[in-house]
Amino acid sequence: VQNQLVYEFYFYSNTPCREEELLLTNILLWYGWQILTASRVQAKA
């Protein structure tokens, strides 16, 4: 997942379109939320 995220970052960072940047931000926030939620669940277990 980490490598894919890095690939997506470079892919979108090389795209001048503003919508692509917003999409990248949403992807980063989504991944971050998933990781945060997963860590909380593991901490409770």
Protein backbone atom coordinates (compact mmCIF):
# COMPACT_ATOMS: atom_id res chain seq x y z
CA VAL A 1 0.00 0.00 0.00
CA GLN A 2 2.80 2.40 0.88
CA ASN A 3 4.51 1.99 -2.50
CA GLN A 4 1.22 2.51 -4.31
CA LEU A 5 0.64 5.67 -2.29
CA VAL A 6 4.09 6.99 -3.25
CA TYR A 7 3.41 6.15 -6.89
CA GLU A 8 0.07 7.97 -6.79
CA PHE A 9 1.75 10.96 -5.14
CA TYR A 10 4.35 11.29 -7.90
CA PHE A 11 1.75 10.62 -10.59
CA TYR A 12 -0.61 13.32 -9.36
CA SER A 13 2.17 15.75 -8.41
CA ASN A 14 3.30 15.70 -12.05
CA THR A 15 -0.23 16.57 -13.19
CA PRO A 16 -0.94 20.32 -13.30
CA CYS A 17 -4.71 19.83 -13.05
CA ARG A 18 -6.16 21.30 -9.84
CA GLU A 19 -8.83 18.61 -9.56
CA GLU A 20 -6.09 15.96 -9.48
CA GLU A 21 -4.48 17.70 -6.50
CA LEU A 22 -7.78 17.76 -4.63
CA LEU A 23 -8.24 14.07 -5.42
CA LEU A 24 -4.76 13.32 -4.07
CA THR A 25 -5.58 15.19 -0.87
CA ASN A 26 -8.75 13.14 -0.45
CA ILE A 27 -6.79 9.92 -1.04
CA LEU A 28 -4.18 10.89 1.56
CA LEU A 29 -6.88 11.80 4.08
CA TRP A 30 -8.70 8.52 3.40
CA TYR A 31 -5.52 6.44 3.84
CA GLY A 32 -4.64 8.37 6.98
CA TRP A 33 -8.12 7.80 8.44
CA GLN A 34 -7.97 4.08 7.64
CA ILE A 35 -4.56 3.75 9.34
CA LEU A 36 -5.72 5.77 12.35
CA THR A 37 -8.88 3.69 12.70
CA ALA A 38 -6.96 0.43 12.31
CA SER A 39 -4.42 1.43 14.97
CA ARG A 40 -7.24 2.30 17.38
CA VAL A 41 -8.94 -1.05 16.79
CA GLN A 42 -5.66 -2.90 17.38
CA ALA A 43 -5.06 -0.93 20.57
CA LYS A 44 -8.47 -1.95 21.93
CA ALA A 45 -7.99 -5.62 21.02
